[in-house]
Amino acid sequence: MKEKIKGREELQKVLLREWVGKRIVFTNGCFDLLHAGHVRYLEQAKAMGDVLVVGINSDASVQKLKGTQRPILPLEERMELLSALACVDYVTPFDELTPLELITLLKPHVLVKGGDWTREAIVGKEVVERSGGKVVVIPFSEGKSTSNLIETILRHYAKRI
């Protein structure tokens, strides 16, 4: 699965060399505590093209976005889990708060985000649409979130600790 994990420049070369004429789908996120909602979302994203690239927030950017208690799992483990999914072709980390630089570099044909985002708020929307690509919002899996998972764990196990 390690062959699916690439730095951004290496990934750009691979996409240009091996995926010319193919539909590149891009999504991004923290993917902290991978759950069924993530898997369903990624499978739907993959169905929109030939290759699915997942940008994943670094530990530092997750902390800035979600607070100092996060991520639960370090970047290397989150990348390993994502790369084990059959629907994910490549995983690449990014340290910025948004994936704009990554999207600009990779030039995906389809940019996908979950239903917790509005089309207007999706970072990279203009870059993708300007080059003739499309932006898709996949409906959110009700009740499936890392925050809900953490709350469930705390509810069930906090008294035992």
N, C-alpha and C. Protein backbone atom coordinates (compact mmCIF):
# COMPACT_ATOMS: atom_id res chain seq x y z
N MET A 1 0.81 -1.20 0.00
CA MET A 1 0.00 0.00 0.00
C MET A 1 0.86 1.27 0.00
N LYS A 2 2.10 1.13 0.42
CA LYS A 2 2.99 2.30 0.48
C LYS A 2 3.19 2.94 -0.89
N GLU A 3 3.05 2.14 -1.97
CA GLU A 3 3.23 2.69 -3.31
C GLU A 3 2.12 3.68 -3.68
N LYS A 4 1.03 3.68 -2.94
CA LYS A 4 -0.05 4.64 -3.18
C LYS A 4 0.23 5.99 -2.53
N ILE A 5 1.14 6.04 -1.59
CA ILE A 5 1.45 7.27 -0.86
C ILE A 5 2.57 8.01 -1.58
N LYS A 6 2.27 9.23 -2.01
CA LYS A 6 3.23 10.01 -2.81
C LYS A 6 3.30 11.45 -2.31
N GLY A 7 4.46 12.04 -2.43
CA GLY A 7 4.60 13.48 -2.23
C GLY A 7 3.96 14.19 -3.42
N ARG A 8 3.66 15.45 -3.28
CA ARG A 8 2.91 16.15 -4.33
C ARG A 8 3.62 16.22 -5.67
N GLU A 9 4.93 16.47 -5.67
CA GLU A 9 5.66 16.57 -6.95
C GLU A 9 5.73 15.20 -7.63
N GLU A 10 6.01 14.16 -6.85
CA GLU A 10 6.05 12.81 -7.41
C GLU A 10 4.68 12.42 -7.96
N LEU A 11 3.64 12.74 -7.23
CA LEU A 11 2.28 12.43 -7.66
C LEU A 11 1.95 13.16 -8.96
N GLN A 12 2.33 14.41 -9.06
CA GLN A 12 2.09 15.16 -10.29
C GLN A 12 2.74 14.46 -11.49
N LYS A 13 3.97 13.99 -11.32
CA LYS A 13 4.68 13.27 -12.40
C LYS A 13 3.97 11.98 -12.76
N VAL A 14 3.53 11.23 -11.75
CA VAL A 14 2.83 9.96 -11.99
C VAL A 14 1.53 10.21 -12.76
N LEU A 15 0.78 11.22 -12.35
CA LEU A 15 -0.49 11.52 -13.03
C LEU A 15 -0.25 11.92 -14.48
N LEU A 16 0.79 12.72 -14.72
CA LEU A 16 1.10 13.15 -16.08
C LEU A 16 1.62 12.00 -16.95
N ARG A 17 2.31 11.07 -16.33
CA ARG A 17 2.92 9.96 -17.07
C ARG A 17 1.94 8.79 -17.28
N GLU A 18 1.21 8.43 -16.23
CA GLU A 18 0.42 7.20 -16.28
C GLU A 18 -1.08 7.40 -16.46
N TRP A 19 -1.57 8.60 -16.28
CA TRP A 19 -3.02 8.80 -16.31
C TRP A 19 -3.46 9.84 -17.34
N VAL A 20 -2.68 10.03 -18.38
CA VAL A 20 -3.02 10.97 -19.45
C VAL A 20 -4.32 10.51 -20.12
N GLY A 21 -5.24 11.42 -20.29
CA GLY A 21 -6.51 11.11 -20.93
C GLY A 21 -7.52 10.44 -20.01
N LYS A 22 -7.15 10.25 -18.76
CA LYS A 22 -8.05 9.63 -17.78
C LYS A 22 -8.64 10.71 -16.89
N ARG A 23 -9.76 10.41 -16.30
CA ARG A 23 -10.48 11.36 -15.45
C ARG A 23 -9.95 11.27 -14.02
N ILE A 24 -9.32 12.35 -13.56
CA ILE A 24 -8.72 12.41 -12.23
C ILE A 24 -9.73 13.05 -11.26
N VAL A 25 -10.01 12.32 -10.18
CA VAL A 25 -10.92 12.80 -9.14
C VAL A 25 -10.06 13.12 -7.91
N PHE A 26 -10.35 14.25 -7.29
CA PHE A 26 -9.60 14.68 -6.10
C PHE A 26 -10.56 14.98 -4.97
N THR A 27 -10.19 14.55 -3.79
CA THR A 27 -10.87 14.98 -2.58
C THR A 27 -9.83 15.14 -1.50
N ASN A 28 -10.23 15.73 -0.40
CA ASN A 28 -9.28 15.94 0.69
C ASN A 28 -9.99 15.93 2.03
N GLY A 29 -9.20 15.79 3.08
CA GLY A 29 -9.74 15.84 4.42
C GLY A 29 -8.73 15.39 5.44
N CYS A 30 -9.18 15.35 6.69
CA CYS A 30 -8.32 14.91 7.79
C CYS A 30 -8.32 13.39 7.90
N PHE A 31 -9.46 12.77 7.69
CA PHE A 31 -9.63 11.33 7.75
C PHE A 31 -9.04 10.75 9.04
N ASP A 32 -9.39 11.41 10.14
CA ASP A 32 -8.95 10.98 11.46
C ASP A 32 -9.99 10.00 12.01
N LEU A 33 -9.59 8.83 12.37
CA LEU A 33 -10.47 7.73 12.75
C LEU A 33 -11.39 7.39 11.57
N LEU A 34 -10.84 6.70 10.63
CA LEU A 34 -11.56 6.27 9.44
C LEU A 34 -12.82 5.50 9.84
N HIS A 35 -13.96 5.85 9.24
CA HIS A 35 -15.23 5.20 9.57
C HIS A 35 -16.04 4.94 8.30
N ALA A 36 -17.18 4.29 8.47
CA ALA A 36 -18.01 3.89 7.33
C ALA A 36 -18.42 5.07 6.45
N GLY A 37 -18.68 6.22 7.05
CA GLY A 37 -19.04 7.41 6.27
C GLY A 37 -17.92 7.80 5.32
N HIS A 38 -16.68 7.73 5.79
CA HIS A 38 -15.52 8.02 4.93
C HIS A 38 -15.46 7.03 3.76
N VAL A 39 -15.61 5.76 4.07
CA VAL A 39 -15.50 4.72 3.05
C VAL A 39 -16.58 4.89 1.98
N ARG A 40 -17.81 5.11 2.40
CA ARG A 40 -18.91 5.32 1.44
C ARG A 40 -18.63 6.53 0.55
N TYR A 41 -18.17 7.59 1.15
CA TYR A 41 -17.85 8.83 0.45
C TYR A 41 -16.75 8.60 -0.58
N LEU A 42 -15.68 7.92 -0.17
CA LEU A 42 -14.55 7.68 -1.07
C LEU A 42 -14.94 6.74 -2.21
N GLU A 43 -15.77 5.76 -1.94
CA GLU A 43 -16.23 4.87 -3.01
C GLU A 43 -17.08 5.64 -4.03
N GLN A 44 -17.92 6.53 -3.56
CA GLN A 44 -18.72 7.36 -4.48
C GLN A 44 -17.83 8.29 -5.29
N ALA A 45 -16.82 8.85 -4.64
CA ALA A 45 -15.89 9.75 -5.35
C ALA A 45 -15.16 8.98 -6.45
N LYS A 46 -14.68 7.80 -6.15
CA LYS A 46 -13.95 6.99 -7.14
C LYS A 46 -14.82 6.69 -8.35
N ALA A 47 -16.11 6.48 -8.13
CA ALA A 47 -17.03 6.15 -9.22
C ALA A 47 -17.17 7.29 -10.23
N MET A 48 -16.68 8.48 -9.89
CA MET A 48 -16.79 9.64 -10.78
C MET A 48 -15.63 9.78 -11.74
N GLY A 49 -14.68 8.86 -11.70
CA GLY A 49 -13.54 8.98 -12.59
C GLY A 49 -12.71 7.72 -12.64
N ASP A 50 -11.51 7.86 -13.18
CA ASP A 50 -10.61 6.71 -13.36
C ASP A 50 -9.61 6.56 -12.23
N VAL A 51 -9.22 7.66 -11.62
CA VAL A 51 -8.22 7.62 -10.56
C VAL A 51 -8.66 8.56 -9.43
N LEU A 52 -8.59 8.06 -8.20
CA LEU A 52 -8.97 8.87 -7.04
C LEU A 52 -7.73 9.25 -6.25
N VAL A 53 -7.52 10.55 -6.13
CA VAL A 53 -6.42 11.10 -5.35
C VAL A 53 -7.02 11.72 -4.09
N VAL A 54 -6.45 11.35 -2.94
CA VAL A 54 -6.91 11.89 -1.67
C VAL A 54 -5.81 12.74 -1.05
N GLY A 55 -6.09 14.03 -0.88
CA GLY A 55 -5.18 14.92 -0.16
C GLY A 55 -5.52 14.80 1.32
N ILE A 56 -4.51 14.63 2.15
CA ILE A 56 -4.75 14.44 3.57
C ILE A 56 -3.98 15.48 4.38
N ASN A 57 -4.68 16.12 5.30
CA ASN A 57 -4.09 17.15 6.14
C ASN A 57 -2.98 16.58 7.02
N SER A 58 -1.89 17.32 7.13
CA SER A 58 -0.81 16.95 8.05
C SER A 58 -1.31 17.08 9.48
N ASP A 59 -0.56 16.52 10.41
CA ASP A 59 -0.93 16.63 11.83
C ASP A 59 -1.04 18.09 12.26
N ALA A 60 -0.09 18.92 11.82
CA ALA A 60 -0.10 20.33 12.20
C ALA A 60 -1.34 21.05 11.67
N SER A 61 -1.72 20.76 10.43
CA SER A 61 -2.91 21.44 9.88
C SER A 61 -4.19 20.92 10.53
N VAL A 62 -4.23 19.64 10.90
CA VAL A 62 -5.40 19.11 11.62
C VAL A 62 -5.55 19.83 12.95
N GLN A 63 -4.45 20.01 13.67
CA GLN A 63 -4.50 20.71 14.95
C GLN A 63 -5.02 22.13 14.80
N LYS A 64 -4.58 22.81 13.75
CA LYS A 64 -5.04 24.18 13.51
C LYS A 64 -6.53 24.21 13.19
N LEU A 65 -7.01 23.19 12.48
CA LEU A 65 -8.42 23.15 12.08
C LEU A 65 -9.34 22.59 13.16
N LYS A 66 -8.88 21.58 13.89
CA LYS A 66 -9.75 20.84 14.80
C LYS A 66 -9.42 21.02 16.28
N GLY A 67 -8.27 21.63 16.59
CA GLY A 67 -7.88 21.81 17.98
C GLY A 67 -6.73 20.91 18.38
N THR A 68 -6.16 21.19 19.53
CA THR A 68 -4.94 20.51 19.96
C THR A 68 -5.14 19.04 20.35
N GLN A 69 -6.38 18.62 20.55
CA GLN A 69 -6.65 17.22 20.90
C GLN A 69 -6.59 16.30 19.67
N ARG A 70 -6.54 16.88 18.50
CA ARG A 70 -6.57 16.13 17.25
C ARG A 70 -5.29 16.35 16.48
N PRO A 71 -4.89 15.46 15.62
CA PRO A 71 -5.60 14.24 15.27
C PRO A 71 -5.42 13.15 16.33
N ILE A 72 -6.31 12.20 16.31
CA ILE A 72 -6.20 11.03 17.19
C ILE A 72 -5.09 10.12 16.64
N LEU A 73 -5.13 9.89 15.33
CA LEU A 73 -4.12 9.07 14.66
C LEU A 73 -3.13 9.96 13.93
N PRO A 74 -1.84 9.63 13.99
CA PRO A 74 -0.84 10.43 13.28
C PRO A 74 -0.96 10.27 11.76
N LEU A 75 -0.41 11.22 11.05
CA LEU A 75 -0.49 11.27 9.59
C LEU A 75 -0.12 9.93 8.94
N GLU A 76 0.98 9.34 9.34
CA GLU A 76 1.44 8.10 8.71
C GLU A 76 0.38 7.01 8.80
N GLU A 77 -0.27 6.89 9.95
CA GLU A 77 -1.32 5.87 10.11
C GLU A 77 -2.56 6.21 9.29
N ARG A 78 -2.92 7.49 9.25
CA ARG A 78 -4.09 7.89 8.46
C ARG A 78 -3.84 7.63 6.98
N MET A 79 -2.62 7.90 6.51
CA MET A 79 -2.29 7.62 5.10
C MET A 79 -2.30 6.13 4.82
N GLU A 80 -1.78 5.34 5.75
CA GLU A 80 -1.75 3.89 5.57
C GLU A 80 -3.17 3.32 5.48
N LEU A 81 -4.06 3.78 6.35
CA LEU A 81 -5.45 3.31 6.32
C LEU A 81 -6.13 3.67 5.00
N LEU A 82 -5.96 4.91 4.56
CA LEU A 82 -6.58 5.32 3.30
C LEU A 82 -6.02 4.53 2.12
N SER A 83 -4.71 4.31 2.12
CA SER A 83 -4.09 3.61 1.00
C SER A 83 -4.50 2.14 0.94
N ALA A 84 -5.00 1.59 2.03
CA ALA A 84 -5.47 0.20 2.06
C ALA A 84 -6.83 0.03 1.39
N LEU A 85 -7.54 1.13 1.17
CA LEU A 85 -8.85 1.05 0.53
C LEU A 85 -8.70 0.85 -0.98
N ALA A 86 -9.44 -0.10 -1.53
CA ALA A 86 -9.36 -0.40 -2.97
C ALA A 86 -9.76 0.81 -3.82
N CYS A 87 -10.66 1.62 -3.34
CA CYS A 87 -11.15 2.76 -4.13
C CYS A 87 -10.16 3.92 -4.19
N VAL A 88 -9.16 3.94 -3.33
CA VAL A 88 -8.19 5.03 -3.29
C VAL A 88 -6.95 4.63 -4.10
N ASP A 89 -6.62 5.47 -5.09
CA ASP A 89 -5.45 5.18 -5.92
C ASP A 89 -4.17 5.82 -5.38
N TYR A 90 -4.30 7.07 -4.88
CA TYR A 90 -3.14 7.77 -4.34
C TYR A 90 -3.54 8.61 -3.14
N VAL A 91 -2.61 8.73 -2.21
CA VAL A 91 -2.78 9.58 -1.03
C VAL A 91 -1.57 10.50 -0.99
N THR A 92 -1.83 11.79 -0.77
CA THR A 92 -0.73 12.75 -0.67
C THR A 92 -1.01 13.73 0.47
N PRO A 93 -0.02 13.96 1.31
CA PRO A 93 -0.23 14.87 2.43
C PRO A 93 -0.06 16.33 2.01
N PHE A 94 -0.71 17.21 2.77
CA PHE A 94 -0.46 18.64 2.59
C PHE A 94 -0.46 19.31 3.95
N ASP A 95 0.39 20.31 4.09
CA ASP A 95 0.59 20.97 5.38
C ASP A 95 -0.21 22.27 5.51
N GLU A 96 -0.68 22.79 4.39
CA GLU A 96 -1.44 24.03 4.42
C GLU A 96 -2.82 23.79 5.03
N LEU A 97 -3.50 24.87 5.40
CA LEU A 97 -4.85 24.73 5.96
C LEU A 97 -5.87 24.32 4.91
N THR A 98 -5.62 24.65 3.65
CA THR A 98 -6.51 24.27 2.57
C THR A 98 -5.70 23.54 1.48
N PRO A 99 -6.38 22.79 0.63
CA PRO A 99 -5.68 22.06 -0.43
C PRO A 99 -5.51 22.87 -1.72
N LEU A 100 -5.67 24.17 -1.67
CA LEU A 100 -5.65 24.98 -2.89
C LEU A 100 -4.38 24.79 -3.71
N GLU A 101 -3.22 24.83 -3.07
CA GLU A 101 -1.95 24.65 -3.80
C GLU A 101 -1.90 23.27 -4.46
N LEU A 102 -2.35 22.27 -3.75
CA LEU A 102 -2.36 20.90 -4.26
C LEU A 102 -3.30 20.76 -5.45
N ILE A 103 -4.47 21.32 -5.35
CA ILE A 103 -5.45 21.27 -6.44
C ILE A 103 -4.90 22.00 -7.66
N THR A 104 -4.29 23.15 -7.44
CA THR A 104 -3.72 23.93 -8.53
C THR A 104 -2.61 23.15 -9.24
N LEU A 105 -1.81 22.44 -8.48
CA LEU A 105 -0.72 21.64 -9.04
C LEU A 105 -1.22 20.42 -9.79
N LEU A 106 -2.17 19.70 -9.23
CA LEU A 106 -2.61 18.42 -9.80
C LEU A 106 -3.67 18.56 -10.89
N LYS A 107 -4.40 19.65 -10.89
CA LYS A 107 -5.42 19.93 -11.91
C LYS A 107 -6.41 18.77 -12.11
N PRO A 108 -7.15 18.39 -11.08
CA PRO A 108 -8.11 17.30 -11.24
C PRO A 108 -9.28 17.69 -12.13
N HIS A 109 -9.91 16.68 -12.72
CA HIS A 109 -11.08 16.91 -13.55
C HIS A 109 -12.35 17.02 -12.72
N VAL A 110 -12.33 16.35 -11.56
CA VAL A 110 -13.48 16.36 -10.66
C VAL A 110 -12.98 16.63 -9.25
N LEU A 111 -13.59 17.60 -8.59
CA LEU A 111 -13.29 17.93 -7.20
C LEU A 111 -14.50 17.55 -6.37
N VAL A 112 -14.30 16.69 -5.37
CA VAL A 112 -15.40 16.15 -4.59
C VAL A 112 -15.24 16.53 -3.12
N LYS A 113 -16.35 16.93 -2.50
CA LYS A 113 -16.39 17.19 -1.05
C LYS A 113 -17.68 16.59 -0.50
N GLY A 114 -17.69 16.42 0.81
CA GLY A 114 -18.85 15.85 1.48
C GLY A 114 -19.94 16.88 1.71
N GLY A 115 -21.12 16.39 2.04
CA GLY A 115 -22.30 17.22 2.22
C GLY A 115 -22.23 18.23 3.34
N ASP A 116 -21.19 18.17 4.15
CA ASP A 116 -21.02 19.20 5.17
C ASP A 116 -20.42 20.47 4.57
N TRP A 117 -20.18 20.48 3.25
CA TRP A 117 -19.68 21.65 2.53
C TRP A 117 -20.74 22.14 1.56
N THR A 118 -20.82 23.45 1.38
CA THR A 118 -21.65 24.00 0.30
C THR A 118 -20.74 24.15 -0.91
N ARG A 119 -21.31 24.07 -2.09
CA ARG A 119 -20.52 24.21 -3.33
C ARG A 119 -19.70 25.51 -3.32
N GLU A 120 -20.32 26.58 -2.85
CA GLU A 120 -19.67 27.89 -2.87
C GLU A 120 -18.45 27.94 -1.95
N ALA A 121 -18.46 27.15 -0.90
CA ALA A 121 -17.37 27.19 0.09
C ALA A 121 -16.22 26.23 -0.23
N ILE A 122 -16.36 25.43 -1.27
CA ILE A 122 -15.34 24.43 -1.57
C ILE A 122 -14.07 25.09 -2.11
N VAL A 123 -12.99 24.87 -1.41
CA VAL A 123 -11.69 25.42 -1.81
C VAL A 123 -11.23 24.73 -3.09
N GLY A 124 -10.82 25.51 -4.06
CA GLY A 124 -10.33 24.98 -5.33
C GLY A 124 -11.40 24.91 -6.40
N LYS A 125 -12.63 25.25 -6.04
CA LYS A 125 -13.76 25.20 -6.97
C LYS A 125 -13.46 26.00 -8.25
N GLU A 126 -12.99 27.22 -8.08
CA GLU A 126 -12.72 28.09 -9.23
C GLU A 126 -11.63 27.52 -10.12
N VAL A 127 -10.59 26.96 -9.52
CA VAL A 127 -9.47 26.39 -10.27
C VAL A 127 -9.97 25.24 -11.15
N VAL A 128 -10.76 24.36 -10.58
CA VAL A 128 -11.26 23.19 -11.31
C VAL A 128 -12.25 23.60 -12.39
N GLU A 129 -13.19 24.46 -12.06
CA GLU A 129 -14.19 24.88 -13.05
C GLU A 129 -13.57 25.71 -14.18
N ARG A 130 -12.57 26.51 -13.85
CA ARG A 130 -11.90 27.33 -14.87
C ARG A 130 -11.22 26.46 -15.92
N SER A 131 -10.78 25.26 -15.52
CA SER A 131 -10.12 24.37 -16.48
C SER A 131 -11.10 23.37 -17.10
N GLY A 132 -12.41 23.59 -16.90
CA GLY A 132 -13.42 22.75 -17.52
C GLY A 132 -13.86 21.55 -16.69
N GLY A 133 -13.37 21.47 -15.47
CA GLY A 133 -13.74 20.37 -14.58
C GLY A 133 -15.03 20.65 -13.84
N LYS A 134 -15.42 19.70 -13.00
CA LYS A 134 -16.65 19.91 -12.24
C LYS A 134 -16.43 19.66 -10.75
N VAL A 135 -17.31 20.27 -9.97
CA VAL A 135 -17.27 20.16 -8.52
C VAL A 135 -18.54 19.44 -8.08
N VAL A 136 -18.37 18.43 -7.22
CA VAL A 136 -19.49 17.60 -6.80
C VAL A 136 -19.53 17.54 -5.27
N VAL A 137 -20.72 17.71 -4.72
CA VAL A 137 -20.93 17.54 -3.28
C VAL A 137 -21.69 16.23 -3.08
N ILE A 138 -21.07 15.32 -2.32
CA ILE A 138 -21.69 14.03 -2.02
C ILE A 138 -22.46 14.16 -0.71
N PRO A 139 -23.71 13.71 -0.67
CA PRO A 139 -24.49 13.82 0.57
C PRO A 139 -23.78 13.19 1.76
N PHE A 140 -23.92 13.83 2.88
CA PHE A 140 -23.31 13.42 4.14
C PHE A 140 -23.99 12.16 4.66
N SER A 141 -23.23 11.18 5.15
CA SER A 141 -23.80 9.98 5.78
C SER A 141 -24.24 10.36 7.18
N GLU A 142 -25.53 10.41 7.39
CA GLU A 142 -26.09 10.86 8.66
C GLU A 142 -25.52 10.08 9.84
N GLY A 143 -25.04 10.80 10.83
CA GLY A 143 -24.53 10.20 12.06
C GLY A 143 -23.14 9.62 11.95
N LYS A 144 -22.53 9.68 10.78
CA LYS A 144 -21.20 9.12 10.58
C LYS A 144 -20.18 10.24 10.55
N SER A 145 -19.48 10.44 11.66
CA SER A 145 -18.44 11.45 11.71
C SER A 145 -17.42 11.06 12.78
N THR A 146 -16.24 11.59 12.64
CA THR A 146 -15.20 11.32 13.64
C THR A 146 -15.63 11.88 14.99
N SER A 147 -16.24 13.06 15.01
CA SER A 147 -16.70 13.65 16.27
C SER A 147 -17.71 12.74 16.96
N ASN A 148 -18.66 12.18 16.20
CA ASN A 148 -19.64 11.25 16.77
C ASN A 148 -18.96 10.00 17.29
N LEU A 149 -17.97 9.52 16.56
CA LEU A 149 -17.24 8.33 16.98
C LEU A 149 -16.49 8.58 18.29
N ILE A 150 -15.86 9.73 18.40
CA ILE A 150 -15.14 10.09 19.64
C ILE A 150 -16.13 10.18 20.80
N GLU A 151 -17.28 10.83 20.57
CA GLU A 151 -18.30 10.95 21.62
C GLU A 151 -18.80 9.58 22.07
N THR A 152 -19.00 8.68 21.14
CA THR A 152 -19.46 7.33 21.48
C THR A 152 -18.41 6.61 22.32
N ILE A 153 -17.16 6.69 21.93
CA ILE A 153 -16.08 6.06 22.69
C ILE A 153 -16.03 6.62 24.11
N LEU A 154 -16.11 7.94 24.22
CA LEU A 154 -16.06 8.56 25.54
C LEU A 154 -17.25 8.14 26.41
N ARG A 155 -18.42 8.09 25.81
CA ARG A 155 -19.63 7.71 26.54
C ARG A 155 -19.53 6.27 27.07
N HIS A 156 -19.00 5.40 26.25
CA HIS A 156 -18.91 3.99 26.63
C HIS A 156 -17.74 3.66 27.54
N TYR A 157 -16.64 4.38 27.38
CA TYR A 157 -15.43 3.96 28.07
C TYR A 157 -14.84 4.96 29.07
N ALA A 158 -15.30 6.18 29.08
CA ALA A 158 -14.71 7.21 29.98
C ALA A 158 -14.81 6.82 31.44
N LYS A 159 -15.89 6.18 31.84
CA LYS A 159 -16.07 5.80 33.24
C LYS A 159 -15.14 4.67 33.67
N ARG A 160 -14.64 3.92 32.71
CA ARG A 160 -13.76 2.79 33.00
C ARG A 160 -12.31 3.20 33.18
N ILE A 161 -11.99 4.38 32.70
CA ILE A 161 -10.58 4.82 32.75
C ILE A 161 -10.23 5.39 34.10
